[in-house]
C-alpha atoms as a PDB file:
ATOM      1  CA  MET A   1      -0.731 122.846 172.004  1.00  0.00           C
ATOM      2  CA  TYR A   2      -1.260 126.459 170.458  1.00  0.00           C
ATOM      3  CA  ASP A   3      -4.936 125.652 170.169  1.00  0.00           C
ATOM      4  CA  ASP A   4      -5.122 124.787 173.794  1.00  0.00           C
ATOM      5  CA  ARG A   5      -3.570 128.115 174.903  1.00  0.00           C
ATOM      6  CA  VAL A   6      -5.995 130.126 172.731  1.00  0.00           C
ATOM      7  CA  GLU A   7      -8.930 128.177 174.243  1.00  0.00           C
ATOM      8  CA  ARG A   8      -7.768 128.697 177.843  1.00  0.00           C
ATOM      9  CA  SER A   9      -7.128 132.479 177.026  1.00  0.00           C
ATOM     10  CA  ALA A  10     -10.671 132.875 175.767  1.00  0.00           C
ATOM     11  CA  GLU A  11     -11.953 131.179 178.901  1.00  0.00           C
ATOM     12  CA  LEU A  12     -10.043 133.555 181.108  1.00  0.00           C
ATOM     13  CA  ARG A  13     -11.520 136.751 179.451  1.00  0.00           C
ATOM     14  CA  VAL A  14     -14.027 138.740 181.233  1.00  0.00           C
ATOM     15  CA  PRO A  15     -16.967 139.753 179.064  1.00  0.00           C
ATOM     16  CA  THR A  16     -16.888 143.515 178.572  1.00  0.00           C
ATOM     17  CA  LEU A  17     -19.162 146.261 177.085  1.00  0.00           C
ATOM     18  CA  ALA A  18     -17.616 149.137 175.052  1.00  0.00           C
ATOM     19  CA  VAL A  19     -19.107 152.419 176.116  1.00  0.00           C
ATOM     20  CA  PRO A  20     -18.582 155.381 173.611  1.00  0.00           C
ATOM     21  CA  VAL A  21     -17.224 158.305 175.610  1.00  0.00           C
ATOM     22  CA  ARG A  22     -15.348 161.596 174.994  1.00  0.00           C
ATOM     23  CA  VAL A  23     -12.203 161.876 176.956  1.00  0.00           C
ATOM     24  CA  ALA A  24     -10.101 164.985 177.557  1.00  0.00           C
ATOM     25  CA  LEU A  25      -6.508 164.245 178.592  1.00  0.00           C
ATOM     26  CA  ILE A  26      -4.274 166.932 180.178  1.00  0.00           C
ATOM     27  CA  GLY A  27      -3.071 169.285 177.533  1.00  0.00           C
ATOM     28  CA  GLN A  28      -5.089 167.603 174.678  1.00  0.00           C
ATOM     29  CA  ARG A  29      -8.439 168.201 173.023  1.00  0.00           C
ATOM     30  CA  ALA A  30     -11.304 165.853 173.885  1.00  0.00           C
ATOM     31  CA  THR A  31     -11.488 162.759 171.682  1.00  0.00           C
ATOM     32  CA  GLU A  32     -13.931 160.026 170.958  1.00  0.00           C
ATOM     33  CA  VAL A  33     -12.932 156.517 172.493  1.00  0.00           C
ATOM     34  CA  GLU A  34     -14.682 153.517 173.837  1.00  0.00           C
ATOM     35  CA  LEU A  35     -14.176 152.652 177.547  1.00  0.00           C
ATOM     36  CA  PHE A  36     -14.668 149.062 178.552  1.00  0.00           C
ATOM     37  CA  ILE A  37     -16.806 148.056 181.584  1.00  0.00           C
ATOM     38  CA  HIS A  38     -17.930 144.572 182.694  1.00  0.00           C
ATOM     39  CA  ASP A  39     -20.812 143.270 180.451  1.00  0.00           C
ATOM     40  CA  ILE A  40     -23.409 142.445 183.045  1.00  0.00           C
ATOM     41  CA  PRO A  41     -27.321 142.703 182.770  1.00  0.00           C
ATOM     42  CA  ARG A  42     -28.454 146.312 183.394  1.00  0.00           C
ATOM     43  CA  ALA A  43     -32.003 147.599 183.637  1.00  0.00           C
ATOM     44  CA  ALA A  44     -31.196 151.063 182.490  1.00  0.00           C
ATOM     45  CA  HIS A  45     -28.710 153.447 180.925  1.00  0.00           C
ATOM     46  CA  SER A  46     -28.142 155.104 184.302  1.00  0.00           C
ATOM     47  CA  GLN A  47     -26.479 151.822 185.516  1.00  0.00           C
ATOM     48  CA  VAL A  48     -23.963 152.049 182.691  1.00  0.00           C
ATOM     49  CA  LEU A  49     -23.071 155.618 183.836  1.00  0.00           C
ATOM     50  CA  ASP A  50     -22.765 154.248 187.503  1.00  0.00           C
ATOM     51  CA  ASP A  51     -20.464 151.472 186.280  1.00  0.00           C
ATOM     52  CA  VAL A  52     -18.165 154.025 184.272  1.00  0.00           C
ATOM     53  CA  ALA A  53     -17.941 156.096 187.568  1.00  0.00           C
ATOM     54  CA  ALA A  54     -17.196 153.156 189.572  1.00  0.00           C
ATOM     55  CA  LEU A  55     -14.444 152.071 187.201  1.00  0.00           C
ATOM     56  CA  LEU A  56     -12.779 155.452 187.399  1.00  0.00           C
ATOM     57  CA  ASP A  57     -12.925 155.543 191.111  1.00  0.00           C
ATOM     58  CA  GLU A  58     -11.487 151.998 191.688  1.00  0.00           C
ATOM     59  CA  HIS A  59      -7.823 152.036 193.050  1.00  0.00           C
ATOM     60  CA  GLU A  60      -6.394 150.631 189.765  1.00  0.00           C
ATOM     61  CA  SER A  61      -4.419 153.383 187.904  1.00  0.00           C
ATOM     62  CA  PHE A  62      -5.281 152.288 184.328  1.00  0.00           C
ATOM     63  CA  VAL A  63      -8.550 151.617 182.453  1.00  0.00           C
ATOM     64  CA  PRO A  64      -8.810 149.991 179.092  1.00  0.00           C
ATOM     65  CA  ILE A  65      -9.989 152.018 176.038  1.00  0.00           C
ATOM     66  CA  ARG A  66     -10.265 151.625 172.288  1.00  0.00           C
ATOM     67  CA  ASN A  67      -9.099 154.419 170.159  1.00  0.00           C
ATOM     68  CA  ALA A  68      -9.149 154.197 166.361  1.00  0.00           C
ATOM     69  CA  GLY A  69      -9.295 150.418 166.578  1.00  0.00           C
ATOM     70  CA  ASP A  70      -6.318 150.030 169.003  1.00  0.00           C
ATOM     71  CA  VAL A  71      -6.837 148.950 172.648  1.00  0.00           C
ATOM     72  CA  ARG A  72      -4.776 150.716 175.054  1.00  0.00           C
ATOM     73  CA  LEU A  73      -4.570 151.243 178.755  1.00  0.00           C
ATOM     74  CA  LEU A  74      -5.232 154.829 179.713  1.00  0.00           C
ATOM     75  CA  GLY A  75      -3.586 156.213 182.909  1.00  0.00           C
ATOM     76  CA  LYS A  76      -6.418 157.743 185.061  1.00  0.00           C
ATOM     77  CA  LEU A  77      -4.143 160.535 186.343  1.00  0.00           C
ATOM     78  CA  ALA A  78      -3.771 161.853 182.704  1.00  0.00           C
ATOM     79  CA  VAL A  79      -7.568 162.252 182.479  1.00  0.00           C
ATOM     80  CA  GLN A  80      -9.224 165.823 182.855  1.00  0.00           C
ATOM     81  CA  TRP A  81     -12.697 164.482 182.367  1.00  0.00           C
ATOM     82  CA  ILE A  82     -14.690 161.721 180.662  1.00  0.00           C
ATOM     83  CA  ALA A  83     -18.123 162.476 179.232  1.00  0.00           C
ATOM     84  CA  VAL A  84     -20.908 159.923 178.510  1.00  0.00           C
ATOM     85  CA  HIS A  85     -23.955 160.842 176.437  1.00  0.00           C
ATOM     86  CA  ARG A  86     -26.995 160.635 178.762  1.00  0.00           C
ATOM     87  CA  LYS A  87     -28.957 158.886 175.942  1.00  0.00           C
ATOM     88  CA  SER A  88     -27.206 156.041 174.330  1.00  0.00           C
ATOM     89  CA  GLU A  89     -27.616 153.079 171.820  1.00  0.00           C
ATOM     90  CA  LEU A  90     -26.475 150.992 174.761  1.00  0.00           C
ATOM     91  CA  ALA A  91     -29.854 151.454 176.461  1.00  0.00           C
ATOM     92  CA  ASP A  92     -32.570 149.396 174.822  1.00  0.00           C
ATOM     93  CA  ASP A  93     -35.417 151.533 176.101  1.00  0.00           C
ATOM     94  CA  ASP A  94     -34.962 155.076 177.465  1.00  0.00           C
ATOM     95  CA  SER A  95     -38.335 154.794 179.115  1.00  0.00           C
ATOM     96  CA  SER A  96     -36.910 152.205 181.499  1.00  0.00           C
ATOM     97  CA  GLU A  97     -34.359 154.796 182.846  1.00  0.00           C
ATOM     98  CA  VAL A  98     -34.166 154.442 186.617  1.00  0.00           C
ATOM     99  CA  LEU A  99     -34.158 157.918 188.247  1.00  0.00           C
ATOM    100  CA  GLU A 100     -32.327 158.301 191.492  1.00  0.00           C
ATOM    101  CA  LEU A 101     -33.595 161.062 193.752  1.00  0.00           C
ATOM    102  CA  TYR A 102     -31.120 163.435 195.244  1.00  0.00           C
ATOM    103  CA  ASP A 103     -31.633 165.793 198.155  1.00  0.00           C
ATOM    104  CA  ARG A 104     -29.820 168.815 196.626  1.00  0.00           C
ATOM    105  CA  GLN A 105     -28.818 170.108 193.273  1.00  0.00           C
ATOM    106  CA  HIS A 106     -25.867 172.519 192.943  1.00  0.00           C
ATOM    107  CA  HIS A 107     -25.624 174.430 189.729  1.00  0.00           C
ATOM    108  CA  VAL A 108     -21.973 175.199 189.138  1.00  0.00           C
ATOM    109  CA  GLU A 109     -19.249 176.195 186.723  1.00  0.00           C
ATOM    110  CA  VAL A 110     -16.122 174.058 186.933  1.00  0.00           C
ATOM    111  CA  GLU A 111     -12.896 175.598 185.738  1.00  0.00           C
ATOM    112  CA  MET A 112     -10.284 173.211 184.857  1.00  0.00           C
ATOM    113  CA  ILE A 113      -6.558 173.964 185.454  1.00  0.00           C
ATOM    114  CA  ALA A 114      -6.083 173.831 181.669  1.00  0.00           C
ATOM    115  CA  GLY A 115      -8.637 176.646 181.284  1.00  0.00           C
ATOM    116  CA  GLN A 116     -11.745 174.899 180.024  1.00  0.00           C
ATOM    117  CA  LYS A 117     -15.015 175.598 181.801  1.00  0.00           C
ATOM    118  CA  LEU A 118     -17.987 173.124 182.182  1.00  0.00           C
ATOM    119  CA  SER A 119     -21.261 174.226 183.533  1.00  0.00           C
ATOM    120  CA  GLY A 120     -23.898 171.790 184.887  1.00  0.00           C
ATOM    121  CA  THR A 121     -25.427 170.326 188.020  1.00  0.00           C
ATOM    122  CA  LEU A 122     -23.854 168.414 190.951  1.00  0.00           C
ATOM    123  CA  LEU A 123     -26.356 166.131 192.445  1.00  0.00           C
ATOM    124  CA  ASP A 124     -26.069 165.396 196.278  1.00  0.00           C
ATOM    125  CA  SER A 125     -27.658 163.262 198.813  1.00  0.00           C
ATOM    126  CA  ALA A 126     -25.107 164.032 201.687  1.00  0.00           C
ATOM    127  CA  PRO A 127     -26.061 164.184 205.304  1.00  0.00           C
ATOM    128  CA  ALA A 128     -28.103 167.318 206.260  1.00  0.00           C
ATOM    129  CA  ASP A 129     -25.116 168.736 208.195  1.00  0.00           C
ATOM    130  CA  ARG A 130     -23.007 168.716 204.892  1.00  0.00           C
ATOM    131  CA  PRO A 131     -25.162 170.503 202.386  1.00  0.00           C
ATOM    132  CA  ARG A 132     -22.508 172.744 200.723  1.00  0.00           C
ATOM    133  CA  VAL A 133     -20.730 172.358 197.330  1.00  0.00           C
ATOM    134  CA  VAL A 134     -17.419 172.040 199.141  1.00  0.00           C
ATOM    135  CA  ASP A 135     -18.781 169.130 201.065  1.00  0.00           C
ATOM    136  CA  HIS A 136     -19.791 167.396 197.914  1.00  0.00           C
ATOM    137  CA  LEU A 137     -16.387 168.098 196.294  1.00  0.00           C
ATOM    138  CA  ASN A 138     -14.497 166.800 199.267  1.00  0.00           C
ATOM    139  CA  GLN A 139     -16.239 163.375 199.289  1.00  0.00           C
ATOM    140  CA  THR A 140     -14.039 160.457 198.728  1.00  0.00           C
ATOM    141  CA  GLY A 141     -13.182 159.391 195.107  1.00  0.00           C
ATOM    142  CA  GLN A 142     -10.938 160.830 192.388  1.00  0.00           C
ATOM    143  CA  PHE A 143     -13.674 161.865 190.127  1.00  0.00           C
ATOM    144  CA  VAL A 144     -16.761 164.080 190.588  1.00  0.00           C
ATOM    145  CA  ARG A 145     -20.018 163.770 188.566  1.00  0.00           C
ATOM    146  CA  LEU A 146     -21.301 166.757 186.688  1.00  0.00           C
ATOM    147  CA  TRP A 147     -24.676 166.501 184.844  1.00  0.00           C
ATOM    148  CA  THR A 148     -25.582 168.606 181.696  1.00  0.00           C
ATOM    149  CA  ALA A 149     -28.489 168.378 179.490  1.00  0.00           C
ATOM    150  CA  ASP A 150     -26.822 165.921 177.115  1.00  0.00           C
ATOM    151  CA  GLU A 151     -23.797 164.541 178.949  1.00  0.00           C
ATOM    152  CA  HIS A 152     -22.694 163.037 182.229  1.00  0.00           C
ATOM    153  CA  TYR A 153     -19.170 164.241 183.024  1.00  0.00           C
ATOM    154  CA  LEU A 154     -16.741 162.521 185.310  1.00  0.00           C
ATOM    155  CA  ILE A 155     -14.150 165.147 186.329  1.00  0.00           C
ATOM    156  CA  ASN A 156     -10.835 164.419 187.796  1.00  0.00           C
ATOM    157  CA  LYS A 157     -10.783 166.355 190.963  1.00  0.00           C
ATOM    158  CA  ALA A 158      -6.962 166.909 190.746  1.00  0.00           C
ATOM    159  CA  GLN A 159      -7.511 168.800 187.446  1.00  0.00           C
ATOM    160  CA  ILE A 160     -10.164 171.308 188.930  1.00  0.00           C
ATOM    161  CA  LEU A 161      -8.894 174.899 189.455  1.00  0.00           C
ATOM    162  CA  GLN A 162     -12.099 176.286 190.959  1.00  0.00           C
ATOM    163  CA  VAL A 163     -15.871 175.742 191.260  1.00  0.00           C
ATOM    164  CA  THR A 164     -18.406 178.620 191.202  1.00  0.00           C
ATOM    165  CA  GLU A 165     -22.044 178.118 192.241  1.00  0.00           C
ATOM    166  CA  LEU A 166     -24.414 179.473 189.429  1.00  0.00           C
ATOM    167  CA  PRO A 167     -28.133 180.548 189.489  1.00  0.00           C
ATOM    168  CA  GLU A 168     -30.305 177.684 188.283  1.00  0.00           C
ATOM    169  CA  GLN A 169     -30.209 178.662 184.553  1.00  0.00           C
ATOM    170  CA  GLY A 170     -27.002 178.122 182.502  1.00  0.00           C
ATOM    171  CA  GLN A 171     -26.063 174.575 181.636  1.00  0.00           C
ATOM    172  CA  GLY A 172     -23.628 173.119 179.076  1.00  0.00           C
ATOM    173  CA  ALA A 173     -19.958 173.134 178.263  1.00  0.00           C
ATOM    174  CA  GLU A 174     -17.963 176.100 177.054  1.00  0.00           C
END
């Protein structure tokens, strides 16, 4: 009977892909963990980024992570930001990267309530009557995307103190 339960349990499991990320929780330093997303065929690494962003913006309050070998459920409200490397071993061929075109780029510095500052680019394709950074930040969703040269940040909007537009130079994390 025990073998039947194990077999049924394995049948009910959803195939997942462990994505290496850095996560900064409120009041803590960033740490390396793995975040689990559905393991489905993807043509490019950008689709992994989209799936991580979609997971964070879903209505569920917790996401599965693996930290030091232990699988845990992480409360999304405790997350300041999650960063995914833009190039990854998950992508078989970086030349297959799918580029999505955006109408606007906003070079910004994001200051977190905890004091950390992140600089990067907000990419936007909002309607022409909503071209401002504030329009981008006020779109639906709990997390906003910030692109830097090396990482894709998903920032919890509830943890942002202020956002300042920058000249087109300056990118990276402080």
